[in-house]
């Protein structure tokens, strides 16, 4: 399994990646510098690649999922409900490929602020 680390001014998380075409595209594109956007309990940032939908692309994912948001060409990190969620589900606005999962506590993402710089690097 491959892994990446995401850094922001007040913290970092490690992500274990799945063996998918989308995860390989993310690995090939690093290091990546981007800017955080916040939407409910989702952090997303633009990434410099595109990929096609995978067979298990979904709008509802597990807490701590790391996804490639297909319509936005963005990396999406979910740690709780979004404005369109029902109950406590983690729901994206549209389908995303699931790249992997945050190791440890995804609540660490709460310390990311709108427009914080985001850096994605290999582990």
PDB file of N, CA and C in Angstrom:
ATOM      1  N   UNK A   1       0.823  -1.185   0.000  1.00  0.00           N
ATOM      2  CA  UNK A   1       0.000   0.000   0.000  1.00  0.00           C
ATOM      3  C   UNK A   1       0.865   1.245   0.000  1.00  0.00           C
ATOM      4  N   UNK A   2       0.368   2.249  -0.671  1.00  0.00           N
ATOM      5  CA  UNK A   2       1.057   3.537  -0.710  1.00  0.00           C
ATOM      6  C   UNK A   2       0.393   4.500   0.260  1.00  0.00           C
ATOM      7  N   UNK A   3       1.134   5.535   0.602  1.00  0.00           N
ATOM      8  CA  UNK A   3       0.592   6.544   1.515  1.00  0.00           C
ATOM      9  C   UNK A   3       1.093   7.922   1.120  1.00  0.00           C
ATOM     10  N   UNK A   4       0.303   8.922   1.505  1.00  0.00           N
ATOM     11  CA  UNK A   4       0.691  10.318   1.342  1.00  0.00           C
ATOM     12  C   UNK A   4       0.480  11.012   2.672  1.00  0.00           C
ATOM     13  N   UNK A   5       1.046  12.185   2.786  1.00  0.00           N
ATOM     14  CA  UNK A   5       0.831  13.010   3.966  1.00  0.00           C
ATOM     15  C   UNK A   5       0.334  14.369   3.484  1.00  0.00           C
ATOM     16  N   UNK A   6      -0.694  14.884   4.171  1.00  0.00           N
ATOM     17  CA  UNK A   6      -1.241  16.199   3.864  1.00  0.00           C
ATOM     18  C   UNK A   6      -0.920  17.123   5.025  1.00  0.00           C
ATOM     19  N   UNK A   7      -0.323  18.271   4.699  1.00  0.00           N
ATOM     20  CA  UNK A   7       0.094  19.260   5.693  1.00  0.00           C
ATOM     21  C   UNK A   7      -0.724  20.534   5.521  1.00  0.00           C
ATOM     22  N   UNK A   8      -1.015  21.204   6.636  1.00  0.00           N
ATOM     23  CA  UNK A   8      -1.584  22.542   6.659  1.00  0.00           C
ATOM     24  C   UNK A   8      -0.945  23.265   7.832  1.00  0.00           C
ATOM     25  N   UNK A   9      -1.135  24.572   7.990  1.00  0.00           N
ATOM     26  CA  UNK A   9      -0.380  25.307   9.010  1.00  0.00           C
ATOM     27  C   UNK A   9      -0.461  24.757  10.427  1.00  0.00           C
ATOM     28  N   UNK A  10      -1.588  24.153  10.826  1.00  0.00           N
ATOM     29  CA  UNK A  10      -1.704  23.703  12.212  1.00  0.00           C
ATOM     30  C   UNK A  10      -1.732  22.185  12.375  1.00  0.00           C
ATOM     31  N   UNK A  11      -1.401  21.437  11.304  1.00  0.00           N
ATOM     32  CA  UNK A  11      -1.425  19.992  11.479  1.00  0.00           C
ATOM     33  C   UNK A  11      -1.093  19.204  10.229  1.00  0.00           C
ATOM     34  N   UNK A  12      -1.293  17.908  10.346  1.00  0.00           N
ATOM     35  CA  UNK A  12      -1.037  16.995   9.237  1.00  0.00           C
ATOM     36  C   UNK A  12      -1.769  15.683   9.477  1.00  0.00           C
ATOM     37  N   UNK A  13      -2.045  14.964   8.386  1.00  0.00           N
ATOM     38  CA  UNK A  13      -2.603  13.616   8.470  1.00  0.00           C
ATOM     39  C   UNK A  13      -1.890  12.746   7.449  1.00  0.00           C
ATOM     40  N   UNK A  14      -1.869  11.463   7.740  1.00  0.00           N
ATOM     41  CA  UNK A  14      -1.347  10.477   6.806  1.00  0.00           C
ATOM     42  C   UNK A  14      -2.542   9.731   6.226  1.00  0.00           C
ATOM     43  N   UNK A  15      -2.462   9.421   4.949  1.00  0.00           N
ATOM     44  CA  UNK A  15      -3.546   8.752   4.240  1.00  0.00           C
ATOM     45  C   UNK A  15      -3.007   7.495   3.590  1.00  0.00           C
ATOM     46  N   UNK A  16      -3.650   6.374   3.871  1.00  0.00           N
ATOM     47  CA  UNK A  16      -3.334   5.126   3.196  1.00  0.00           C
ATOM     48  C   UNK A  16      -4.191   5.056   1.937  1.00  0.00           C
ATOM     49  N   UNK A  17      -3.532   4.868   0.805  1.00  0.00           N
ATOM     50  CA  UNK A  17      -4.221   4.866  -0.478  1.00  0.00           C
ATOM     51  C   UNK A  17      -4.594   3.459  -0.918  1.00  0.00           C
ATOM     52  N   UNK A  18      -5.692   3.371  -1.647  1.00  0.00           N
ATOM     53  CA  UNK A  18      -6.111   2.127  -2.277  1.00  0.00           C
ATOM     54  C   UNK A  18      -5.291   1.937  -3.552  1.00  0.00           C
ATOM     55  N   UNK A  19      -5.364   0.769  -4.119  1.00  0.00           N
ATOM     56  CA  UNK A  19      -4.678   0.483  -5.378  1.00  0.00           C
ATOM     57  C   UNK A  19      -5.663   0.722  -6.519  1.00  0.00           C
ATOM     58  N   UNK A  20      -5.844   2.017  -6.876  1.00  0.00           N
ATOM     59  CA  UNK A  20      -6.773   2.394  -7.939  1.00  0.00           C
ATOM     60  C   UNK A  20      -6.076   3.325  -8.927  1.00  0.00           C
ATOM     61  N   UNK A  21      -6.684   3.498 -10.084  1.00  0.00           N
ATOM     62  CA  UNK A  21      -6.146   4.418 -11.086  1.00  0.00           C
ATOM     63  C   UNK A  21      -6.100   5.837 -10.527  1.00  0.00           C
ATOM     64  N   UNK A  22      -7.143   6.235  -9.806  1.00  0.00           N
ATOM     65  CA  UNK A  22      -7.183   7.589  -9.243  1.00  0.00           C
ATOM     66  C   UNK A  22      -6.087   7.807  -8.206  1.00  0.00           C
ATOM     67  N   UNK A  23      -5.865   6.826  -7.343  1.00  0.00           N
ATOM     68  CA  UNK A  23      -4.809   6.945  -6.334  1.00  0.00           C
ATOM     69  C   UNK A  23      -3.439   7.014  -7.008  1.00  0.00           C
ATOM     70  N   UNK A  24      -3.252   6.245  -8.070  1.00  0.00           N
ATOM     71  CA  UNK A  24      -1.979   6.301  -8.802  1.00  0.00           C
ATOM     72  C   UNK A  24      -1.773   7.660  -9.450  1.00  0.00           C
ATOM     73  N   UNK A  25      -2.847   8.283  -9.940  1.00  0.00           N
ATOM     74  CA  UNK A  25      -2.747   9.625 -10.522  1.00  0.00           C
ATOM     75  C   UNK A  25      -2.334  10.637  -9.453  1.00  0.00           C
ATOM     76  N   UNK A  26      -2.887  10.499  -8.242  1.00  0.00           N
ATOM     77  CA  UNK A  26      -2.497  11.384  -7.141  1.00  0.00           C
ATOM     78  C   UNK A  26      -1.031  11.194  -6.790  1.00  0.00           C
ATOM     79  N   UNK A  27      -0.583   9.956  -6.706  1.00  0.00           N
ATOM     80  CA  UNK A  27       0.821   9.686  -6.393  1.00  0.00           C
ATOM     81  C   UNK A  27       1.747  10.281  -7.445  1.00  0.00           C
ATOM     82  N   UNK A  28       1.361  10.182  -8.707  1.00  0.00           N
ATOM     83  CA  UNK A  28       2.194  10.692  -9.792  1.00  0.00           C
ATOM     84  C   UNK A  28       2.263  12.220  -9.798  1.00  0.00           C
ATOM     85  N   UNK A  29       1.245  12.882  -9.255  1.00  0.00           N
ATOM     86  CA  UNK A  29       1.167  14.346  -9.297  1.00  0.00           C
ATOM     87  C   UNK A  29       1.875  15.040  -8.141  1.00  0.00           C
ATOM     88  N   UNK A  30       2.285  14.304  -7.097  1.00  0.00           N
ATOM     89  CA  UNK A  30       2.876  14.976  -5.942  1.00  0.00           C
ATOM     90  C   UNK A  30       4.313  15.363  -6.196  1.00  0.00           C
ATOM     91  N   UNK A  31       4.813  16.350  -5.500  1.00  0.00           N
ATOM     92  CA  UNK A  31       4.142  17.113  -4.454  1.00  0.00           C
ATOM     93  C   UNK A  31       3.123  18.093  -5.058  1.00  0.00           C
ATOM     94  N   UNK A  32       2.087  18.370  -4.300  1.00  0.00           N
ATOM     95  CA  UNK A  32       1.024  19.276  -4.735  1.00  0.00           C
ATOM     96  C   UNK A  32       0.891  20.390  -3.710  1.00  0.00           C
ATOM     97  N   UNK A  33       0.810  21.608  -4.193  1.00  0.00           N
ATOM     98  CA  UNK A  33       0.494  22.769  -3.357  1.00  0.00           C
ATOM     99  C   UNK A  33      -0.898  23.233  -3.761  1.00  0.00           C
ATOM    100  N   UNK A  34      -1.781  23.458  -2.789  1.00  0.00           N
ATOM    101  CA  UNK A  34      -3.134  23.880  -3.094  1.00  0.00           C
ATOM    102  C   UNK A  34      -3.656  24.754  -1.962  1.00  0.00           C
ATOM    103  N   UNK A  35      -4.951  25.058  -2.024  1.00  0.00           N
ATOM    104  CA  UNK A  35      -5.591  25.905  -1.027  1.00  0.00           C
ATOM    105  C   UNK A  35      -6.850  25.215  -0.528  1.00  0.00           C
ATOM    106  N   UNK A  36      -7.064  25.232   0.773  1.00  0.00           N
ATOM    107  CA  UNK A  36      -8.212  24.556   1.379  1.00  0.00           C
ATOM    108  C   UNK A  36      -9.506  25.320   1.160  1.00  0.00           C
ATOM    109  N   UNK A  37     -10.551  24.560   0.892  1.00  0.00           N
ATOM    110  CA  UNK A  37     -11.924  25.053   0.886  1.00  0.00           C
ATOM    111  C   UNK A  37     -12.698  24.185   1.870  1.00  0.00           C
ATOM    112  N   UNK A  38     -13.635  24.785   2.589  1.00  0.00           N
ATOM    113  CA  UNK A  38     -14.393  24.078   3.606  1.00  0.00           C
ATOM    114  C   UNK A  38     -15.863  24.069   3.196  1.00  0.00           C
ATOM    115  N   UNK A  39     -16.487  22.884   3.290  1.00  0.00           N
ATOM    116  CA  UNK A  39     -17.911  22.743   3.009  1.00  0.00           C
ATOM    117  C   UNK A  39     -18.486  21.789   4.039  1.00  0.00           C
ATOM    118  N   UNK A  40     -19.065  22.332   5.097  1.00  0.00           N
ATOM    119  CA  UNK A  40     -19.501  21.494   6.213  1.00  0.00           C
ATOM    120  C   UNK A  40     -18.290  20.809   6.815  1.00  0.00           C
ATOM    121  N   UNK A  41     -18.383  19.489   7.009  1.00  0.00           N
ATOM    122  CA  UNK A  41     -17.254  18.723   7.532  1.00  0.00           C
ATOM    123  C   UNK A  41     -16.514  18.031   6.392  1.00  0.00           C
ATOM    124  N   UNK A  42     -16.249  18.810   5.369  1.00  0.00           N
ATOM    125  CA  UNK A  42     -15.434  18.366   4.228  1.00  0.00           C
ATOM    126  C   UNK A  42     -14.419  19.448   3.923  1.00  0.00           C
ATOM    127  N   UNK A  43     -13.188  19.019   3.702  1.00  0.00           N
ATOM    128  CA  UNK A  43     -12.140  19.910   3.205  1.00  0.00           C
ATOM    129  C   UNK A  43     -11.840  19.440   1.793  1.00  0.00           C
ATOM    130  N   UNK A  44     -11.777  20.380   0.862  1.00  0.00           N
ATOM    131  CA  UNK A  44     -11.393  19.994  -0.490  1.00  0.00           C
ATOM    132  C   UNK A  44     -10.404  21.003  -1.044  1.00  0.00           C
ATOM    133  N   UNK A  45      -9.591  20.530  -1.982  1.00  0.00           N
ATOM    134  CA  UNK A  45      -8.594  21.387  -2.616  1.00  0.00           C
ATOM    135  C   UNK A  45      -8.375  20.909  -4.049  1.00  0.00           C
ATOM    136  N   UNK A  46      -8.099  21.846  -4.920  1.00  0.00           N
ATOM    137  CA  UNK A  46      -7.856  21.539  -6.323  1.00  0.00           C
ATOM    138  C   UNK A  46      -6.563  20.738  -6.468  1.00  0.00           C
ATOM    139  N   UNK A  47      -6.568  19.794  -7.410  1.00  0.00           N
ATOM    140  CA  UNK A  47      -5.382  19.008  -7.733  1.00  0.00           C
ATOM    141  C   UNK A  47      -5.154  19.052  -9.247  1.00  0.00           C
ATOM    142  N   UNK A  48      -3.910  18.888  -9.689  1.00  0.00           N
ATOM    143  CA  UNK A  48      -3.564  19.095 -11.103  1.00  0.00           C
ATOM    144  C   UNK A  48      -3.705  17.852 -11.991  1.00  0.00           C
ATOM    145  N   UNK A  49      -4.790  17.115 -11.846  1.00  0.00           N
ATOM    146  CA  UNK A  49      -5.009  15.960 -12.716  1.00  0.00           C
ATOM    147  C   UNK A  49      -6.503  15.690 -12.802  1.00  0.00           C
ATOM    148  N   UNK A  50      -6.888  14.899 -13.780  1.00  0.00           N
ATOM    149  CA  UNK A  50      -8.264  14.437 -13.909  1.00  0.00           C
ATOM    150  C   UNK A  50      -8.241  12.930 -14.126  1.00  0.00           C
ATOM    151  N   UNK A  51      -9.309  12.276 -13.739  1.00  0.00           N
ATOM    152  CA  UNK A  51      -9.473  10.839 -13.959  1.00  0.00           C
ATOM    153  C   UNK A  51     -10.939  10.563 -14.262  1.00  0.00           C
ATOM    154  N   UNK A  52     -11.191   9.417 -14.833  1.00  0.00           N
ATOM    155  CA  UNK A  52     -12.553   8.989 -15.141  1.00  0.00           C
ATOM    156  C   UNK A  52     -13.206   8.385 -13.897  1.00  0.00           C
ATOM    157  N   UNK A  53     -14.536   8.331 -13.876  1.00  0.00           N
ATOM    158  CA  UNK A  53     -15.209   7.671 -12.754  1.00  0.00           C
ATOM    159  C   UNK A  53     -14.816   6.195 -12.670  1.00  0.00           C
ATOM    160  N   UNK A  54     -14.630   5.722 -11.451  1.00  0.00           N
ATOM    161  CA  UNK A  54     -14.343   4.313 -11.219  1.00  0.00           C
ATOM    162  C   UNK A  54     -15.642   3.587 -10.876  1.00  0.00           C
ATOM    163  N   UNK A  55     -15.626   2.274 -10.924  1.00  0.00           N
ATOM    164  CA  UNK A  55     -16.835   1.467 -10.727  1.00  0.00           C
ATOM    165  C   UNK A  55     -17.506   1.731  -9.384  1.00  0.00           C
ATOM    166  N   UNK A  56     -16.722   2.045  -8.339  1.00  0.00           N
ATOM    167  CA  UNK A  56     -17.307   2.267  -7.018  1.00  0.00           C
ATOM    168  C   UNK A  56     -17.405   3.746  -6.639  1.00  0.00           C
ATOM    169  N   UNK A  57     -17.380   4.648  -7.639  1.00  0.00           N
ATOM    170  CA  UNK A  57     -17.561   6.077  -7.353  1.00  0.00           C
ATOM    171  C   UNK A  57     -18.879   6.255  -6.598  1.00  0.00           C
ATOM    172  N   UNK A  58     -18.884   7.169  -5.634  1.00  0.00           N
ATOM    173  CA  UNK A  58     -20.048   7.295  -4.756  1.00  0.00           C
ATOM    174  C   UNK A  58     -20.232   8.734  -4.303  1.00  0.00           C
ATOM    175  N   UNK A  59     -21.439   9.034  -3.840  1.00  0.00           N
ATOM    176  CA  UNK A  59     -21.691  10.334  -3.225  1.00  0.00           C
ATOM    177  C   UNK A  59     -21.689  10.232  -1.700  1.00  0.00           C
ATOM    178  N   UNK A  60     -21.910   9.037  -1.159  1.00  0.00           N
ATOM    179  CA  UNK A  60     -21.882   8.823   0.293  1.00  0.00           C
ATOM    180  C   UNK A  60     -20.704   7.918   0.615  1.00  0.00           C
ATOM    181  N   UNK A  61     -19.848   8.379   1.535  1.00  0.00           N
ATOM    182  CA  UNK A  61     -18.626   7.647   1.875  1.00  0.00           C
ATOM    183  C   UNK A  61     -18.475   7.565   3.392  1.00  0.00           C
ATOM    184  N   UNK A  62     -17.540   6.769   3.825  1.00  0.00           N
ATOM    185  CA  UNK A  62     -17.259   6.634   5.256  1.00  0.00           C
ATOM    186  C   UNK A  62     -16.551   7.879   5.786  1.00  0.00           C
ATOM    187  N   UNK A  63     -16.735   8.148   7.062  1.00  0.00           N
ATOM    188  CA  UNK A  63     -15.998   9.209   7.732  1.00  0.00           C
ATOM    189  C   UNK A  63     -14.505   8.897   7.616  1.00  0.00           C
ATOM    190  N   UNK A  64     -13.718   9.890   7.229  1.00  0.00           N
ATOM    191  CA  UNK A  64     -12.290   9.698   7.050  1.00  0.00           C
ATOM    192  C   UNK A  64     -11.904   9.317   5.632  1.00  0.00           C
ATOM    193  N   UNK A  65     -12.900   9.211   4.738  1.00  0.00           N
ATOM    194  CA  UNK A  65     -12.601   8.866   3.344  1.00  0.00           C
ATOM    195  C   UNK A  65     -11.881  10.018   2.655  1.00  0.00           C
ATOM    196  N   UNK A  66     -10.997   9.651   1.756  1.00  0.00           N
ATOM    197  CA  UNK A  66     -10.294  10.609   0.911  1.00  0.00           C
ATOM    198  C   UNK A  66     -10.707  10.290  -0.518  1.00  0.00           C
ATOM    199  N   UNK A  67     -11.237  11.291  -1.204  1.00  0.00           N
ATOM    200  CA  UNK A  67     -11.848  11.059  -2.509  1.00  0.00           C
ATOM    201  C   UNK A  67     -11.322  12.024  -3.561  1.00  0.00           C
ATOM    202  N   UNK A  68     -11.492  11.623  -4.826  1.00  0.00           N
ATOM    203  CA  UNK A  68     -11.279  12.536  -5.941  1.00  0.00           C
ATOM    204  C   UNK A  68     -12.654  12.947  -6.424  1.00  0.00           C
ATOM    205  N   UNK A  69     -13.005  14.221  -6.211  1.00  0.00           N
ATOM    206  CA  UNK A  69     -14.295  14.754  -6.617  1.00  0.00           C
ATOM    207  C   UNK A  69     -14.247  14.995  -8.114  1.00  0.00           C
ATOM    208  N   UNK A  70     -15.024  14.213  -8.859  1.00  0.00           N
ATOM    209  CA  UNK A  70     -14.955  14.177 -10.313  1.00  0.00           C
ATOM    210  C   UNK A  70     -15.343  15.500 -10.965  1.00  0.00           C
ATOM    211  N   UNK A  71     -16.393  16.145 -10.507  1.00  0.00           N
ATOM    212  CA  UNK A  71     -16.844  17.387 -11.139  1.00  0.00           C
ATOM    213  C   UNK A  71     -15.966  18.582 -10.802  1.00  0.00           C
ATOM    214  N   UNK A  72     -15.211  18.491  -9.716  1.00  0.00           N
ATOM    215  CA  UNK A  72     -14.414  19.634  -9.299  1.00  0.00           C
ATOM    216  C   UNK A  72     -12.921  19.463  -9.466  1.00  0.00           C
ATOM    217  N   UNK A  73     -12.486  18.288  -9.960  1.00  0.00           N
ATOM    218  CA  UNK A  73     -11.047  17.993 -10.034  1.00  0.00           C
ATOM    219  C   UNK A  73     -10.364  18.375  -8.725  1.00  0.00           C
ATOM    220  N   UNK A  74     -10.906  17.844  -7.654  1.00  0.00           N
ATOM    221  CA  UNK A  74     -10.413  18.207  -6.328  1.00  0.00           C
ATOM    222  C   UNK A  74     -10.278  16.970  -5.451  1.00  0.00           C
ATOM    223  N   UNK A  75      -9.360  17.071  -4.514  1.00  0.00           N
ATOM    224  CA  UNK A  75      -9.209  16.081  -3.458  1.00  0.00           C
ATOM    225  C   UNK A  75     -10.185  16.475  -2.354  1.00  0.00           C
ATOM    226  N   UNK A  76     -11.030  15.541  -1.928  1.00  0.00           N
ATOM    227  CA  UNK A  76     -12.014  15.813  -0.882  1.00  0.00           C
ATOM    228  C   UNK A  76     -11.738  14.904   0.306  1.00  0.00           C
ATOM    229  N   UNK A  77     -11.647  15.502   1.490  1.00  0.00           N
ATOM    230  CA  UNK A  77     -11.406  14.778   2.732  1.00  0.00           C
ATOM    231  C   UNK A  77     -12.620  14.981   3.620  1.00  0.00           C
ATOM    232  N   UNK A  78     -13.311  13.888   3.942  1.00  0.00           N
ATOM    233  CA  UNK A  78     -14.561  13.989   4.689  1.00  0.00           C
ATOM    234  C   UNK A  78     -14.386  13.512   6.120  1.00  0.00           C
ATOM    235  N   UNK A  79     -14.845  14.347   7.063  1.00  0.00           N
ATOM    236  CA  UNK A  79     -14.729  13.985   8.467  1.00  0.00           C
ATOM    237  C   UNK A  79     -16.054  14.135   9.199  1.00  0.00           C
ATOM    238  N   UNK A  80     -17.152  14.287   8.454  1.00  0.00           N
ATOM    239  CA  UNK A  80     -18.474  14.406   9.045  1.00  0.00           C
ATOM    240  C   UNK A  80     -19.473  14.857   8.003  1.00  0.00           C
ATOM    241  N   UNK A  81     -20.655  15.270   8.460  1.00  0.00           N
ATOM    242  CA  UNK A  81     -21.721  15.661   7.536  1.00  0.00           C
ATOM    243  C   UNK A  81     -21.388  16.934   6.755  1.00  0.00           C
ATOM    244  N   UNK A  82     -21.958  17.010   5.571  1.00  0.00           N
ATOM    245  CA  UNK A  82     -21.885  18.207   4.733  1.00  0.00           C
ATOM    246  C   UNK A  82     -23.269  18.850   4.735  1.00  0.00           C
ATOM    247  N   UNK A  83     -23.426  20.032   4.136  1.00  0.00           N
ATOM    248  CA  UNK A  83     -24.745  20.677   4.136  1.00  0.00           C
ATOM    249  C   UNK A  83     -25.864  19.861   3.481  1.00  0.00           C
ATOM    250  N   UNK A  84     -25.556  18.858   2.663  1.00  0.00           N
ATOM    251  CA  UNK A  84     -26.616  18.060   2.032  1.00  0.00           C
ATOM    252  C   UNK A  84     -26.736  16.658   2.634  1.00  0.00           C
ATOM    253  N   UNK A  85     -26.042  16.392   3.715  1.00  0.00           N
ATOM    254  CA  UNK A  85     -26.096  15.069   4.361  1.00  0.00           C
ATOM    255  C   UNK A  85     -27.435  14.844   5.043  1.00  0.00           C
ATOM    256  N   UNK A  86     -27.824  13.573   5.099  1.00  0.00           N
ATOM    257  CA  UNK A  86     -28.936  13.146   5.942  1.00  0.00           C
ATOM    258  C   UNK A  86     -28.322  12.558   7.198  1.00  0.00           C
ATOM    259  N   UNK A  87     -28.731  13.063   8.350  1.00  0.00           N
ATOM    260  CA  UNK A  87     -28.212  12.591   9.622  1.00  0.00           C
ATOM    261  C   UNK A  87     -26.695  12.815   9.682  1.00  0.00           C
ATOM    262  N   UNK A  88     -25.926  11.781  10.038  1.00  0.00           N
ATOM    263  CA  UNK A  88     -24.480  11.927  10.206  1.00  0.00           C
ATOM    264  C   UNK A  88     -23.670  11.400   9.039  1.00  0.00           C
ATOM    265  N   UNK A  89     -24.322  11.125   7.903  1.00  0.00           N
ATOM    266  CA  UNK A  89     -23.583  10.583   6.762  1.00  0.00           C
ATOM    267  C   UNK A  89     -22.623  11.621   6.185  1.00  0.00           C
ATOM    268  N   UNK A  90     -21.603  11.130   5.500  1.00  0.00           N
ATOM    269  CA  UNK A  90     -20.654  11.980   4.775  1.00  0.00           C
ATOM    270  C   UNK A  90     -21.070  11.950   3.306  1.00  0.00           C
ATOM    271  N   UNK A  91     -21.700  13.035   2.839  1.00  0.00           N
ATOM    272  CA  UNK A  91     -22.238  13.071   1.475  1.00  0.00           C
ATOM    273  C   UNK A  91     -21.584  14.192   0.677  1.00  0.00           C
ATOM    274  N   UNK A  92     -21.027  13.808  -0.463  1.00  0.00           N
ATOM    275  CA  UNK A  92     -20.472  14.779  -1.407  1.00  0.00           C
ATOM    276  C   UNK A  92     -21.592  15.323  -2.283  1.00  0.00           C
ATOM    277  N   UNK A  93     -21.369  16.464  -2.900  1.00  0.00           N
ATOM    278  CA  UNK A  93     -22.370  17.087  -3.761  1.00  0.00           C
ATOM    279  C   UNK A  93     -22.602  16.268  -5.030  1.00  0.00           C
ATOM    280  N   UNK A  94     -21.583  15.544  -5.470  1.00  0.00           N
ATOM    281  CA  UNK A  94     -21.698  14.662  -6.641  1.00  0.00           C
ATOM    282  C   UNK A  94     -20.663  13.550  -6.494  1.00  0.00           C
ATOM    283  N   UNK A  95     -20.708  12.596  -7.401  1.00  0.00           N
ATOM    284  CA  UNK A  95     -19.888  11.384  -7.284  1.00  0.00           C
ATOM    285  C   UNK A  95     -18.391  11.672  -7.197  1.00  0.00           C
ATOM    286  N   UNK A  96     -17.722  10.801  -6.452  1.00  0.00           N
ATOM    287  CA  UNK A  96     -16.272  10.890  -6.281  1.00  0.00           C
ATOM    288  C   UNK A  96     -15.681   9.490  -6.256  1.00  0.00           C
ATOM    289  N   UNK A  97     -14.448   9.391  -6.745  1.00  0.00           N
ATOM    290  CA  UNK A  97     -13.689   8.144  -6.639  1.00  0.00           C
ATOM    291  C   UNK A  97     -13.054   8.090  -5.255  1.00  0.00           C
ATOM    292  N   UNK A  98     -13.110   6.936  -4.633  1.00  0.00           N
ATOM    293  CA  UNK A  98     -12.536   6.777  -3.302  1.00  0.00           C
ATOM    294  C   UNK A  98     -11.065   6.404  -3.446  1.00  0.00           C
ATOM    295  N   UNK A  99     -10.187   7.278  -2.930  1.00  0.00           N
ATOM    296  CA  UNK A  99      -8.737   7.096  -3.062  1.00  0.00           C
ATOM    297  C   UNK A  99      -8.137   6.334  -1.891  1.00  0.00           C
ATOM    298  N   UNK A 100      -8.694   6.551  -0.714  1.00  0.00           N
ATOM    299  CA  UNK A 100      -8.115   5.938   0.475  1.00  0.00           C
ATOM    300  C   UNK A 100      -8.814   6.427   1.724  1.00  0.00           C
ATOM    301  N   UNK A 101      -8.100   6.321   2.847  1.00  0.00           N
ATOM    302  CA  UNK A 101      -8.679   6.648   4.145  1.00  0.00           C
ATOM    303  C   UNK A 101      -7.628   7.296   5.040  1.00  0.00           C
ATOM    304  N   UNK A 102      -8.068   8.265   5.819  1.00  0.00           N
ATOM    305  CA  UNK A 102      -7.179   8.937   6.771  1.00  0.00           C
ATOM    306  C   UNK A 102      -6.803   7.952   7.876  1.00  0.00           C
ATOM    307  N   UNK A 103      -5.521   7.849   8.156  1.00  0.00           N
ATOM    308  CA  UNK A 103      -5.037   7.030   9.268  1.00  0.00           C
ATOM    309  C   UNK A 103      -5.263   7.817  10.555  1.00  0.00           C
ATOM    310  N   UNK A 104      -5.827   7.193  11.551  1.00  0.00           N
ATOM    311  CA  UNK A 104      -6.045   7.885  12.815  1.00  0.00           C
ATOM    312  C   UNK A 104      -7.346   8.671  12.807  1.00  0.00           C
ATOM    313  N   UNK A 105      -7.355   9.777  13.528  1.00  0.00           N
ATOM    314  CA  UNK A 105      -8.565  10.548  13.774  1.00  0.00           C
ATOM    315  C   UNK A 105      -8.811  11.601  12.689  1.00  0.00           C
ATOM    316  N   UNK A 106      -9.858  11.427  11.867  1.00  0.00           N
ATOM    317  CA  UNK A 106     -10.136  12.422  10.837  1.00  0.00           C
ATOM    318  C   UNK A 106     -10.582  13.774  11.403  1.00  0.00           C
ATOM    319  N   UNK A 107     -10.944  13.819  12.686  1.00  0.00           N
ATOM    320  CA  UNK A 107     -11.345  15.086  13.318  1.00  0.00           C
ATOM    321  C   UNK A 107     -10.202  16.114  13.329  1.00  0.00           C
ATOM    322  N   UNK A 108      -8.969  15.660  13.124  1.00  0.00           N
ATOM    323  CA  UNK A 108      -7.843  16.594  13.035  1.00  0.00           C
ATOM    324  C   UNK A 108      -8.070  17.626  11.937  1.00  0.00           C
ATOM    325  N   UNK A 109      -8.866  17.270  10.928  1.00  0.00           N
ATOM    326  CA  UNK A 109      -9.131  18.185   9.820  1.00  0.00           C
ATOM    327  C   UNK A 109      -9.901  19.426  10.257  1.00  0.00           C
ATOM    328  N   UNK A 110     -10.529  19.383  11.424  1.00  0.00           N
ATOM    329  CA  UNK A 110     -11.263  20.554  11.926  1.00  0.00           C
ATOM    330  C   UNK A 110     -10.352  21.764  12.115  1.00  0.00           C
ATOM    331  N   UNK A 111      -9.063  21.546  12.238  1.00  0.00           N
ATOM    332  CA  UNK A 111      -8.140  22.673  12.444  1.00  0.00           C
ATOM    333  C   UNK A 111      -7.753  23.360  11.127  1.00  0.00           C
ATOM    334  N   UNK A 112      -8.251  22.854  10.010  1.00  0.00           N
ATOM    335  CA  UNK A 112      -7.994  23.514   8.720  1.00  0.00           C
ATOM    336  C   UNK A 112      -8.991  24.647   8.553  1.00  0.00           C
ATOM    337  N   UNK A 113      -8.495  25.809   8.187  1.00  0.00           N
ATOM    338  CA  UNK A 113      -9.340  26.978   7.935  1.00  0.00           C
ATOM    339  C   UNK A 113      -9.455  27.234   6.445  1.00  0.00           C
ATOM    340  N   UNK A 114     -10.558  27.885   6.065  1.00  0.00           N
ATOM    341  CA  UNK A 114     -10.766  28.282   4.674  1.00  0.00           C
ATOM    342  C   UNK A 114      -9.531  29.021   4.162  1.00  0.00           C
ATOM    343  N   UNK A 115      -9.071  28.646   3.014  1.00  0.00           N
ATOM    344  CA  UNK A 115      -7.922  29.239   2.309  1.00  0.00           C
ATOM    345  C   UNK A 115      -6.560  28.922   2.923  1.00  0.00           C
ATOM    346  N   UNK A 116      -6.497  28.019   3.901  1.00  0.00           N
ATOM    347  CA  UNK A 116      -5.184  27.575   4.388  1.00  0.00           C
ATOM    348  C   UNK A 116      -4.413  26.938   3.239  1.00  0.00           C
ATOM    349  N   UNK A 117      -3.112  27.107   3.216  1.00  0.00           N
ATOM    350  CA  UNK A 117      -2.313  26.364   2.232  1.00  0.00           C
ATOM    351  C   UNK A 117      -2.309  24.883   2.588  1.00  0.00           C
ATOM    352  N   UNK A 118      -2.377  24.042   1.566  1.00  0.00           N
ATOM    353  CA  UNK A 118      -2.356  22.581   1.710  1.00  0.00           C
ATOM    354  C   UNK A 118      -1.174  22.064   0.897  1.00  0.00           C
ATOM    355  N   UNK A 119      -0.424  21.149   1.483  1.00  0.00           N
ATOM    356  CA  UNK A 119       0.700  20.529   0.775  1.00  0.00           C
ATOM    357  C   UNK A 119       0.524  19.021   0.845  1.00  0.00           C
ATOM    358  N   UNK A 120       0.622  18.358  -0.291  1.00  0.00           N
ATOM    359  CA  UNK A 120       0.472  16.904  -0.368  1.00  0.00           C
ATOM    360  C   UNK A 120       1.820  16.332  -0.796  1.00  0.00           C
ATOM    361  N   UNK A 121       2.374  15.444   0.034  1.00  0.00           N
ATOM    362  CA  UNK A 121       3.696  14.888  -0.212  1.00  0.00           C
ATOM    363  C   UNK A 121       3.688  13.368  -0.003  1.00  0.00           C
ATOM    364  N   UNK A 122       4.701  12.704  -0.524  1.00  0.00           N
ATOM    365  CA  UNK A 122       4.839  11.275  -0.231  1.00  0.00           C
ATOM    366  C   UNK A 122       5.226  11.067   1.223  1.00  0.00           C
ATOM    367  N   UNK A 123       4.944   9.886   1.733  1.00  0.00           N
ATOM    368  CA  UNK A 123       5.352   9.549   3.108  1.00  0.00           C
ATOM    369  C   UNK A 123       6.753   8.988   3.048  1.00  0.00           C
TER     370      UNK A 123
END
